[in-house]
Amino acid sequence: MAAGTTEAGYRRRVAAADAYEVLDVNGHEVRITNPDKVFFAARGETKLDLARYYVAVGPGALRGVRERPTVLKRYPNGAEGEFFFQKRVPASRPPWLETVTVHFPSGRQAEELCPVNVAHVVWAANLGCLDLNPWPVRRSDVDHPDELRVDLDPQPGSGFDAVRRVAAEVHAVLSEHGVEGYPKTSGSRGLHVNVRIRPEWGFTEVRRAALALAREIERRIPQLATSAWWKEERGERVFIDYNQNARDRTVASEYSVRANPEARVSCPLTWDEVAAVDPADLTLSTVPARYRAGVDPGAGIDDRSFGLESLLELAARDEAGGLGDAPWPPHFGKRSGEPRRVPPSRARKSGGEAP
């Protein structure tokens, strides 16, 4: 059986005393412990329902994480419980589970999950991983991303209609630069657009291209979109989070189930669907039927990779015009050319940079 596929069904085995079930996925037995534990309150969907969901949409879900370092974001008590990130795979794991070692900005390293078939995804679901959080790299080259990520995050007071309009502008700008983007709901309040790129640039250059894209969209529709890192400057607009392209930042991948009571899904869309989609309609209970019907708009993302030359030329023009770097996430070291890493209001009060 080819990698990325799963059996048409799965063998089910129940042991009531130990409260587990076994799913047969890609020829591997994946144990689902506490299968009846409710993970999503709106419809009472359980941990086993989550695992079965990932079997049902397996090849689509695998597409977003295949051979990528993947952080374990664990919700042991379901979507409304507390969660924690586990970057290192547990020492106790199946012998067939594959991993990859990555390095963080701090200089530390970790052995992370590296899914190569759907069994890896279902194994993660058993740990309480509702969504899948992969790096934008493949294990063959963990220093050069093959995906640029556009994260549209509506701020308080900004509704989903604004997200749609900003997404349309993202589509237009990408097209002008000879790049094809694949949209999907975030499964929360926003939208994501993923671009498959050639792995020829490091994280810094990919982030630079994403920042140039964000600034261009802001110039075109400043009343709706912003690239401002500091919340106090964003207003009631849609934030285009360019820093999602910094090293070791992750975004929920396609077909991920998100942590809300309705079990909304980060579902791939066509660009025509973006104009009318209601994210509330795309859930753990509805997306499998859509997938079985052959509606899988992200299926072609790996067919063609794009270059960043045009977006990097845009970045160079911005820089020549006086626009330097923008703030980085707080756990990154200070970068050359980066502005003060402190909210503008605090900078005005202190007259300097925060320690």
Protein backbone atom coordinates (compact mmCIF):
# COMPACT_ATOMS: atom_id res chain seq x y z
CA MET A 1 0.00 0.00 0.00
CA ALA A 2 1.40 3.41 -0.96
CA ALA A 3 2.51 5.86 1.71
CA GLY A 4 -0.24 8.36 2.46
CA THR A 5 -3.10 5.89 2.06
CA THR A 6 -5.05 3.93 4.60
CA GLU A 7 -7.16 0.81 4.45
CA ALA A 8 -10.75 1.23 3.31
CA GLY A 9 -11.78 0.39 6.86
CA TYR A 10 -10.13 -0.53 10.11
CA ARG A 11 -10.27 -3.54 12.36
CA ARG A 12 -12.04 -2.76 15.59
CA ARG A 13 -11.24 -4.45 18.85
CA VAL A 14 -12.72 -3.49 22.20
CA ALA A 15 -11.40 -4.40 25.62
CA ALA A 16 -13.94 -3.00 28.08
CA ALA A 17 -11.84 -3.63 31.17
CA ASP A 18 -8.92 -1.61 29.83
CA ALA A 19 -11.13 0.93 27.97
CA TYR A 20 -9.35 1.03 24.66
CA GLU A 21 -9.97 0.27 21.02
CA VAL A 22 -7.51 -0.63 18.31
CA LEU A 23 -7.66 0.86 14.84
CA ASP A 24 -5.81 -0.86 12.02
CA VAL A 25 -4.28 1.95 9.97
CA ASN A 26 -1.67 1.45 7.25
CA GLY A 27 -1.05 -2.01 8.62
CA HIS A 28 -0.24 -0.66 12.09
CA GLU A 29 -2.34 -1.23 15.19
CA VAL A 30 -3.01 2.13 16.84
CA ARG A 31 -4.47 1.92 20.31
CA ILE A 32 -7.04 4.57 21.28
CA THR A 33 -7.22 4.82 25.06
CA ASN A 34 -10.28 6.25 26.84
CA PRO A 35 -12.19 6.11 23.54
CA ASP A 36 -15.49 7.31 25.03
CA LYS A 37 -14.04 10.45 26.62
CA VAL A 38 -15.93 13.48 25.31
CA PHE A 39 -13.55 15.84 23.54
CA PHE A 40 -16.06 18.23 21.90
CA ALA A 41 -19.05 19.36 23.93
CA ALA A 42 -21.39 20.72 21.24
CA ARG A 43 -22.34 17.28 19.87
CA GLY A 44 -20.67 15.05 22.44
CA GLU A 45 -17.99 13.79 20.06
CA THR A 46 -15.36 11.61 21.66
CA LYS A 47 -11.70 10.86 21.41
CA LEU A 48 -12.56 7.83 19.26
CA ASP A 49 -14.62 10.08 16.97
CA LEU A 50 -11.51 12.25 16.54
CA ALA A 51 -9.39 9.24 15.62
CA ARG A 52 -12.01 7.95 13.18
CA TYR A 53 -12.23 11.40 11.61
CA TYR A 54 -8.52 11.33 10.83
CA VAL A 55 -8.91 7.88 9.29
CA ALA A 56 -11.77 9.19 7.13
CA VAL A 57 -9.82 12.20 5.77
CA GLY A 58 -6.44 10.49 6.12
CA PRO A 59 -4.70 11.25 2.80
CA GLY A 60 -5.84 14.88 2.95
CA ALA A 61 -4.67 15.34 6.53
CA LEU A 62 -1.39 13.61 5.77
CA ARG A 63 -0.73 16.00 2.88
CA GLY A 64 -0.27 18.87 5.34
CA VAL A 65 2.23 17.06 7.56
CA ARG A 66 3.91 14.46 5.36
CA GLU A 67 7.61 14.20 6.24
CA ARG A 68 7.40 17.43 8.25
CA PRO A 69 8.59 17.95 11.84
CA THR A 70 5.33 18.17 13.77
CA VAL A 71 4.83 19.60 17.25
CA LEU A 72 2.47 17.70 19.55
CA LYS A 73 -0.17 20.13 20.87
CA ARG A 74 -1.95 18.03 23.46
CA TYR A 75 -5.43 18.50 24.92
CA PRO A 76 -5.69 15.57 27.35
CA ASN A 77 -9.16 16.68 28.51
CA GLY A 78 -10.56 17.72 25.18
CA ALA A 79 -11.12 20.94 23.30
CA GLU A 80 -12.18 23.05 26.27
CA GLY A 81 -9.48 21.80 28.61
CA GLU A 82 -5.96 23.05 29.11
CA PHE A 83 -3.32 22.17 26.53
CA PHE A 84 0.45 21.96 26.36
CA PHE A 85 3.04 21.76 23.62
CA GLN A 86 5.31 18.74 23.53
CA LYS A 87 8.11 19.24 21.03
CA ARG A 88 9.87 15.97 21.80
CA VAL A 89 8.17 12.66 21.05
CA PRO A 90 7.72 10.44 24.11
CA ALA A 91 10.37 7.81 24.73
CA SER A 92 7.61 5.20 24.88
CA ARG A 93 6.37 5.02 21.30
CA PRO A 94 5.69 2.40 18.63
CA PRO A 95 8.77 1.05 16.84
CA TRP A 96 7.32 2.11 13.48
CA LEU A 97 6.95 5.78 14.46
CA GLU A 98 9.28 8.06 12.50
CA THR A 99 10.91 11.23 13.80
CA VAL A 100 13.19 14.05 12.67
CA THR A 101 15.56 16.29 14.63
CA VAL A 102 15.15 20.06 14.40
CA HIS A 103 17.03 23.02 15.90
CA PHE A 104 15.43 26.03 17.57
CA PRO A 105 16.52 29.69 17.66
CA SER A 106 17.80 29.06 21.20
CA GLY A 107 20.30 26.54 19.82
CA ARG A 108 18.52 23.60 21.43
CA GLN A 109 17.26 20.67 19.43
CA ALA A 110 14.42 18.18 19.62
CA GLU A 111 13.35 14.91 18.05
CA GLU A 112 9.87 15.63 16.70
CA LEU A 113 7.16 13.52 15.14
CA CYS A 114 7.60 13.08 11.37
CA PRO A 115 4.40 11.63 9.86
CA VAL A 116 4.86 9.43 6.80
CA ASN A 117 1.44 7.75 6.82
CA VAL A 118 -1.97 8.19 8.40
CA ALA A 119 -1.11 5.89 11.31
CA HIS A 120 1.20 8.63 12.60
CA VAL A 121 -1.68 11.12 12.56
CA VAL A 122 -4.01 8.75 14.42
CA TRP A 123 -1.26 8.00 16.96
CA ALA A 124 -1.00 11.74 17.64
CA ALA A 125 -4.78 11.98 18.01
CA ASN A 126 -4.62 9.35 20.75
CA LEU A 127 -2.27 11.65 22.67
CA GLY A 128 -4.96 14.32 22.58
CA CYS A 129 -3.57 16.21 19.59
CA LEU A 130 -6.72 17.76 18.13
CA ASP A 131 -4.87 19.69 15.44
CA LEU A 132 -1.59 19.02 13.67
CA ASN A 133 1.16 21.62 13.89
CA PRO A 134 3.92 21.02 11.34
CA TRP A 135 6.98 23.04 10.45
CA PRO A 136 7.03 24.39 6.86
CA VAL A 137 9.97 22.11 5.96
CA ARG A 138 10.53 18.49 4.99
CA ARG A 139 12.86 16.17 6.86
CA SER A 140 15.21 16.07 3.86
CA ASP A 141 16.07 19.76 4.43
CA VAL A 142 14.95 21.24 7.75
CA ASP A 143 16.59 24.61 7.10
CA HIS A 144 14.81 25.58 3.87
CA PRO A 145 11.01 25.90 3.95
CA ASP A 146 8.93 24.62 1.06
CA GLU A 147 5.83 26.47 2.23
CA LEU A 148 5.05 30.17 2.71
CA ARG A 149 2.13 30.68 5.09
CA VAL A 150 -0.31 33.58 5.13
CA ASP A 151 -2.27 33.74 8.39
CA LEU A 152 -5.24 36.13 8.42
CA ASP A 153 -6.17 36.85 12.03
CA PRO A 154 -9.20 39.11 12.58
CA GLN A 155 -8.84 41.43 15.55
CA PRO A 156 -11.67 42.20 17.99
CA GLY A 157 -14.32 44.17 16.14
CA SER A 158 -13.33 42.74 12.77
CA GLY A 159 -15.73 40.13 11.40
CA PHE A 160 -15.32 37.25 8.99
CA ASP A 161 -16.55 39.32 6.06
CA ALA A 162 -13.40 41.44 6.45
CA VAL A 163 -11.32 38.24 6.44
CA ARG A 164 -12.93 37.23 3.13
CA ARG A 165 -12.12 40.61 1.57
CA VAL A 166 -8.52 40.53 2.77
CA ALA A 167 -8.18 36.96 1.47
CA ALA A 168 -9.36 38.13 -1.95
CA GLU A 169 -6.61 40.76 -1.93
CA VAL A 170 -4.06 38.11 -0.91
CA HIS A 171 -5.17 36.06 -3.91
CA ALA A 172 -4.80 39.07 -6.22
CA VAL A 173 -1.34 40.04 -4.99
CA LEU A 174 -0.02 36.49 -5.10
CA SER A 175 -1.31 36.10 -8.66
CA GLU A 176 0.39 39.34 -9.70
CA HIS A 177 3.66 37.89 -8.44
CA GLY A 178 3.19 34.63 -10.32
CA VAL A 179 2.37 32.58 -7.23
CA GLU A 180 -0.59 30.30 -6.49
CA GLY A 181 -2.06 30.22 -3.01
CA TYR A 182 -4.30 27.53 -1.50
CA PRO A 183 -6.85 28.89 0.99
CA LYS A 184 -8.37 27.09 3.94
CA THR A 185 -10.40 28.02 6.96
CA SER A 186 -8.31 28.26 10.10
CA GLY A 187 -10.91 26.31 12.06
CA SER A 188 -11.13 29.30 14.34
CA ARG A 189 -11.88 32.92 13.35
CA GLY A 190 -9.63 33.43 10.34
CA LEU A 191 -8.27 32.01 7.11
CA HIS A 192 -4.92 30.61 6.02
CA VAL A 193 -3.36 30.67 2.58
CA ASN A 194 -0.50 28.26 1.89
CA VAL A 195 1.94 28.59 -0.99
CA ARG A 196 4.18 25.73 -2.07
CA ILE A 197 7.64 27.18 -2.74
CA ARG A 198 10.93 25.76 -3.90
CA PRO A 199 13.19 25.04 -0.88
CA GLU A 200 15.85 27.48 -2.04
CA TRP A 201 15.52 30.13 0.68
CA GLY A 202 16.08 30.05 4.43
CA PHE A 203 13.55 31.02 7.07
CA THR A 204 14.73 34.64 7.19
CA GLU A 205 14.16 35.20 3.48
CA VAL A 206 10.80 33.43 3.48
CA ARG A 207 9.69 35.63 6.38
CA ARG A 208 10.99 38.68 4.50
CA ALA A 209 8.83 37.74 1.50
CA ALA A 210 5.80 37.23 3.77
CA LEU A 211 6.36 40.63 5.37
CA ALA A 212 6.53 42.31 1.95
CA LEU A 213 3.28 40.59 0.97
CA ALA A 214 1.58 41.74 4.19
CA ARG A 215 2.73 45.33 3.71
CA GLU A 216 1.52 45.40 0.10
CA ILE A 217 -1.94 44.21 1.11
CA GLU A 218 -2.03 46.79 3.89
CA ARG A 219 -1.17 49.53 1.40
CA ARG A 220 -4.04 48.48 -0.84
CA ILE A 221 -6.76 48.06 1.78
CA PRO A 222 -5.50 49.90 4.90
CA GLN A 223 -9.00 50.13 6.34
CA LEU A 224 -9.24 46.31 6.47
CA ALA A 225 -5.73 44.87 6.74
CA THR A 226 -2.68 45.50 8.89
CA SER A 227 0.84 44.15 9.24
CA ALA A 228 1.31 45.84 12.65
CA TRP A 229 2.92 43.46 15.15
CA TRP A 230 1.75 45.39 18.21
CA LYS A 231 -1.91 44.84 19.07
CA GLU A 232 -2.41 48.46 20.08
CA GLU A 233 -1.71 49.49 16.46
CA ARG A 234 -3.97 46.98 14.70
CA GLY A 235 -7.35 48.47 15.45
CA GLU A 236 -10.41 46.58 14.21
CA ARG A 237 -8.61 45.12 11.22
CA VAL A 238 -7.33 41.77 10.00
CA PHE A 239 -3.75 41.12 11.07
CA ILE A 240 -1.55 39.41 8.48
CA ASP A 241 0.84 37.50 10.70
CA TYR A 242 4.10 37.48 8.75
CA ASN A 243 5.93 36.03 11.76
CA GLN A 244 4.24 32.67 11.22
CA ASN A 245 7.09 32.18 8.73
CA ALA A 246 9.83 32.56 11.34
CA ARG A 247 11.80 29.48 12.30
CA ASP A 248 10.00 27.01 14.61
CA ARG A 249 6.61 28.75 14.29
CA THR A 250 3.80 26.37 13.39
CA VAL A 251 0.25 26.70 12.07
CA ALA A 252 -2.57 24.16 12.17
CA SER A 253 -2.40 22.15 8.96
CA GLU A 254 -5.17 21.30 6.52
CA TYR A 255 -7.95 19.08 7.86
CA SER A 256 -6.85 19.74 11.44
CA VAL A 257 -9.64 19.74 14.01
CA ARG A 258 -9.45 22.83 16.17
CA ALA A 259 -10.00 23.30 19.88
CA ASN A 260 -13.57 24.55 20.07
CA PRO A 261 -16.76 22.81 21.24
CA GLU A 262 -18.07 22.47 17.66
CA ALA A 263 -14.88 20.69 16.45
CA ARG A 264 -14.45 23.05 13.53
CA VAL A 265 -11.95 21.97 10.89
CA SER A 266 -9.20 23.87 9.12
CA CYS A 267 -10.69 22.91 5.78
CA PRO A 268 -9.25 23.53 2.29
CA LEU A 269 -11.39 25.73 0.06
CA THR A 270 -11.55 26.82 -3.55
CA TRP A 271 -11.13 30.55 -4.07
CA ASP A 272 -14.76 30.70 -5.19
CA GLU A 273 -15.83 29.17 -1.87
CA VAL A 274 -13.97 31.81 0.13
CA ALA A 275 -16.56 34.43 -0.82
CA ALA A 276 -19.44 32.57 0.80
CA VAL A 277 -18.08 29.97 3.22
CA ASP A 278 -19.35 29.79 6.79
CA PRO A 279 -16.57 28.18 8.87
CA ALA A 280 -19.20 26.88 11.29
CA ASP A 281 -20.39 24.49 8.56
CA LEU A 282 -17.03 22.71 8.34
CA THR A 283 -16.68 20.41 11.32
CA LEU A 284 -15.56 16.95 12.36
CA SER A 285 -19.07 15.73 11.58
CA THR A 286 -19.46 17.32 8.12
CA VAL A 287 -16.03 17.38 6.49
CA PRO A 288 -15.65 13.57 6.01
CA ALA A 289 -18.71 13.49 3.73
CA ARG A 290 -17.35 16.44 1.76
CA TYR A 291 -14.03 14.62 1.44
CA ARG A 292 -15.66 11.32 0.40
CA ALA A 293 -17.57 13.22 -2.29
CA GLY A 294 -14.23 14.22 -3.82
CA VAL A 295 -14.26 17.84 -2.66
CA ASP A 296 -10.61 18.33 -1.73
CA PRO A 297 -9.45 21.74 -3.04
CA GLY A 298 -5.94 21.40 -1.60
CA ALA A 299 -5.18 18.23 -3.56
CA GLY A 300 -3.02 19.99 -6.15
CA ILE A 301 -0.75 21.94 -3.82
CA ASP A 302 2.20 19.60 -4.31
CA ASP A 303 1.92 19.58 -8.11
CA ARG A 304 3.89 22.77 -8.58
CA SER A 305 6.36 24.83 -6.54
CA PHE A 306 6.88 28.56 -6.91
CA GLY A 307 9.78 30.95 -6.48
CA LEU A 308 10.01 33.95 -4.17
CA GLU A 309 12.03 36.17 -6.48
CA SER A 310 9.19 38.60 -7.22
CA LEU A 311 8.12 38.97 -3.59
CA LEU A 312 11.73 39.46 -2.52
CA GLU A 313 12.07 42.20 -5.15
CA LEU A 314 9.05 43.83 -3.54
CA ALA A 315 10.79 43.54 -0.17
CA ALA A 316 13.91 45.17 -1.61
CA ARG A 317 11.83 48.07 -2.94
CA ASP A 318 10.23 48.53 0.47
CA GLU A 319 13.64 48.57 2.11
CA ALA A 320 15.03 51.03 -0.42
CA GLY A 321 12.03 53.25 0.35
CA GLY A 322 12.86 53.28 4.05
CA LEU A 323 10.81 50.35 5.35
CA GLY A 324 13.14 48.24 7.44
CA ASP A 325 12.51 45.01 9.29
CA ALA A 326 9.47 44.51 11.51
CA PRO A 327 9.45 43.07 15.05
CA TRP A 328 10.22 39.39 15.55
CA PRO A 329 8.59 37.07 18.11
CA PRO A 330 9.94 37.65 21.62
CA HIS A 331 11.96 34.43 21.89
CA PHE A 332 14.17 35.40 18.94
CA GLY A 333 17.39 37.31 19.47
CA LYS A 334 17.42 40.96 18.41
CA ARG A 335 17.99 41.24 14.66
CA SER A 336 20.02 43.80 12.77
CA GLY A 337 17.69 46.50 11.45
CA GLU A 338 14.82 45.41 13.66
CA PRO A 339 12.88 48.29 15.29
CA ARG A 340 12.46 48.61 19.03
CA ARG A 341 10.94 45.44 20.39
CA VAL A 342 8.53 47.24 22.66
CA PRO A 343 4.95 48.48 22.18
CA PRO A 344 4.95 52.03 20.81
CA SER A 345 3.02 53.39 23.80
CA ARG A 346 5.59 52.00 26.19
CA ALA A 347 8.44 53.31 24.07
CA ARG A 348 6.96 56.81 24.21
CA LYS A 349 6.68 56.63 27.98
CA SER A 350 10.14 55.23 28.60
CA GLY A 351 11.93 57.04 25.81
CA GLY A 352 13.83 53.88 24.98
CA GLU A 353 13.81 50.17 24.39
CA ALA A 354 12.53 47.69 26.91
CA PRO A 355 15.23 45.66 28.62
